[in-house]
Protein backbone atom coordinates (compact mmCIF):
# COMPACT_ATOMS: atom_id res chain seq x y z
CA MET A 1 27.46 52.20 42.31
CA SER A 2 26.04 51.01 45.57
CA THR A 3 26.60 47.18 46.88
CA ARG A 4 23.02 46.42 46.73
CA THR A 5 23.15 47.26 42.92
CA ILE A 6 26.07 45.35 42.28
CA THR A 7 24.84 42.41 44.09
CA ARG A 8 21.34 42.57 42.10
CA THR A 9 23.46 42.95 38.83
CA LEU A 10 25.50 39.59 39.89
CA VAL A 11 22.34 37.79 40.64
CA ALA A 12 20.53 38.59 37.66
CA SER A 13 23.72 37.76 35.66
CA ALA A 14 23.85 34.45 37.37
CA ALA A 15 20.14 33.67 36.76
CA LEU A 16 20.61 34.42 33.08
CA ALA A 17 23.59 32.12 32.91
CA LEU A 18 21.71 29.35 34.41
CA VAL A 19 19.10 29.44 32.05
CA ALA A 20 21.35 29.66 29.16
CA CYS A 21 23.33 26.78 30.27
CA GLY A 22 19.95 24.74 30.74
CA SER A 23 18.86 25.22 27.31
CA ALA A 24 21.86 24.98 25.24
CA PRO A 25 22.81 21.26 25.11
CA GLN A 26 19.08 20.70 24.03
CA ASN A 27 19.14 23.04 21.32
CA ALA A 28 22.55 21.94 20.03
CA GLU A 29 21.33 18.32 19.98
CA ASN A 30 18.11 18.84 18.43
CA ALA A 31 19.99 21.18 15.83
CA GLN A 32 22.25 17.97 15.01
CA GLY A 33 19.33 15.60 15.11
CA ASP A 34 18.40 15.83 11.13
CA ASN A 35 21.85 15.93 9.94
CA ARG A 36 22.77 12.85 12.11
CA SER A 37 19.79 11.04 10.97
CA THR A 38 20.71 11.31 7.12
CA GLY A 39 24.44 10.61 7.97
CA SER A 40 25.19 13.70 5.79
CA MET A 41 27.82 14.89 8.31
CA GLN A 42 29.82 11.60 8.20
CA GLN A 43 29.75 10.82 4.43
CA GLY A 44 32.72 13.09 3.44
CA ARG A 45 34.43 12.63 6.33
CA ASN A 46 34.93 9.05 6.99
CA GLY A 47 33.44 7.19 3.70
CA ALA A 48 30.10 6.03 5.41
CA THR A 49 29.16 4.97 1.83
CA SER A 50 31.19 1.91 2.40
CA GLY A 51 32.52 -0.29 -0.35
CA GLY A 52 33.11 2.49 -2.58
CA ASP A 53 29.41 3.42 -3.66
CA THR A 54 29.06 6.19 -6.14
CA GLY A 55 26.53 7.36 -8.79
CA GLY A 56 23.22 6.71 -7.01
CA GLN A 57 23.97 3.35 -5.56
CA CYS A 58 22.82 2.47 -2.16
CA GLN A 59 24.63 3.85 0.84
CA ILE A 60 25.70 2.34 4.07
CA GLN A 61 25.36 5.16 6.74
CA PRO A 62 26.49 5.49 10.50
CA VAL A 63 23.83 5.35 13.16
CA TYR A 64 23.76 7.65 16.07
CA PHE A 65 22.93 7.28 19.44
CA ALA A 66 21.75 9.51 22.52
CA TYR A 67 24.32 10.10 25.48
CA ASP A 68 25.01 7.08 27.39
CA SER A 69 22.44 4.89 25.41
CA SER A 70 22.64 1.92 23.12
CA GLU A 71 18.96 2.13 22.16
CA LEU A 72 17.81 2.59 18.54
CA ASP A 73 15.49 5.55 18.07
CA GLY A 74 13.06 5.96 15.05
CA ARG A 75 15.68 7.61 12.77
CA ALA A 76 18.06 4.88 13.67
CA ARG A 77 15.86 2.09 12.87
CA SER A 78 15.00 3.99 9.58
CA SER A 79 18.96 4.36 8.84
CA LEU A 80 19.41 0.86 9.53
CA GLU A 81 16.56 -0.87 7.31
CA SER A 82 18.20 1.28 4.35
CA SER A 83 21.53 0.01 5.13
CA ALA A 84 20.26 -3.61 5.61
CA ARG A 85 18.63 -3.26 2.07
CA CYS A 86 21.69 -2.06 0.71
CA LEU A 87 23.97 -5.01 2.22
CA THR A 88 21.74 -7.57 1.21
CA GLN A 89 21.24 -6.40 -2.44
CA ARG A 90 25.09 -6.83 -2.50
CA ASN A 91 25.22 -10.09 -0.75
CA ASN A 92 27.62 -8.65 1.86
CA ALA A 93 28.13 -9.23 5.45
CA ALA A 94 29.09 -6.30 7.62
CA ARG A 95 31.27 -5.32 10.28
CA VAL A 96 29.84 -2.73 12.99
CA THR A 97 32.15 -0.71 15.14
CA GLY A 98 30.67 0.91 18.08
CA MET A 99 31.99 4.36 19.05
CA THR A 100 31.54 6.82 22.48
CA ASP A 101 32.21 10.14 23.14
CA PRO A 102 35.16 10.77 25.41
CA ARG A 103 33.20 11.13 28.66
CA GLY A 104 33.60 8.30 31.12
CA THR A 105 36.13 5.79 31.86
CA GLU A 106 37.80 3.82 29.01
CA GLU A 107 36.67 0.42 30.32
CA TYR A 108 33.28 1.93 30.36
CA ASN A 109 33.29 3.37 26.91
CA LEU A 110 34.73 0.14 25.48
CA ALA A 111 31.61 -1.82 26.90
CA LEU A 112 29.25 0.97 25.76
CA GLY A 113 30.79 1.03 22.11
CA GLU A 114 30.22 -2.84 22.29
CA ARG A 115 26.50 -2.62 23.27
CA ARG A 116 26.18 -0.12 20.51
CA ALA A 117 27.85 -2.65 18.27
CA ARG A 118 25.92 -5.51 19.36
CA THR A 119 22.25 -3.43 19.10
CA VAL A 120 22.95 -2.55 15.56
CA THR A 121 24.45 -6.07 14.76
CA GLN A 122 21.37 -7.69 15.95
CA TYR A 123 19.28 -5.24 14.12
CA LEU A 124 20.83 -5.73 10.75
CA THR A 125 20.61 -9.60 11.28
CA ASN A 126 16.85 -9.48 11.94
CA MET A 127 16.90 -7.50 8.70
CA GLY A 128 18.59 -10.65 6.97
CA VAL A 129 21.86 -9.44 6.75
CA ASP A 130 24.43 -12.49 7.19
CA GLN A 131 27.43 -12.70 9.46
CA SER A 132 27.40 -9.18 11.10
CA ARG A 133 30.29 -8.78 13.39
CA PRO A 134 30.07 -6.36 16.50
CA HIS A 135 33.35 -4.45 17.13
CA SER A 136 34.16 -1.59 19.68
CA VAL A 137 36.66 1.02 19.78
CA GLY A 138 35.07 3.10 22.72
CA GLU A 139 36.44 6.53 22.93
CA GLU A 140 39.47 5.79 20.82
CA MET A 141 38.31 7.49 17.48
CA ALA A 142 36.48 10.40 19.47
CA ALA A 143 37.12 13.73 17.63
CA GLY A 144 34.71 15.97 19.60
CA ASN A 145 35.18 18.45 22.27
CA ASP A 146 31.95 20.21 22.78
CA GLU A 147 28.18 18.74 22.81
CA SER A 148 28.07 18.95 18.95
CA GLY A 149 31.45 17.27 18.11
CA TRP A 150 30.25 14.45 20.95
CA ALA A 151 27.01 13.95 19.23
CA ASN A 152 29.00 12.84 16.15
CA ASP A 153 31.20 10.71 18.41
CA ARG A 154 28.08 8.65 19.60
CA ARG A 155 27.56 6.15 16.72
CA ALA A 156 28.00 2.91 15.41
CA GLU A 157 29.94 2.55 11.75
CA ILE A 158 28.89 -0.12 9.37
CA ARG A 159 31.28 -1.46 6.64
CA ALA A 160 30.60 -3.89 4.15
CA GLU A 161 32.91 -6.89 4.24
């Protein structure tokens, strides 16, 4: 095999790798979108049904965030509206815990988790939920080690009190 053929092969391989790397995270995050919006990935793992919901009662679901963001998208708002109805139905206050993925410094992640918790708390308060309390654990509870796992780490959990 000639040096020229080897060089062409290496350049082609590198180009394919760059194209694949550029599109994989988007596809992985988009694939997670539908499951994250329903909370189905978390219900079994951490009791997202808060307060012992069973048998068709209302459910309180976690809210997921984009990378490095504390803004609520449409799915998050819809989930929060459902959770707010549930909390007001039960006449419960809520404790909101903001979480992050492990990327970033500890201080930054604690602040980001706090912003996420405050955003969710403010939304719940606007929806009529009394005495919501924000709390941040930053990356302390992070379990992911790839984009899919990190997407699950970027959340705020709501617990009925």
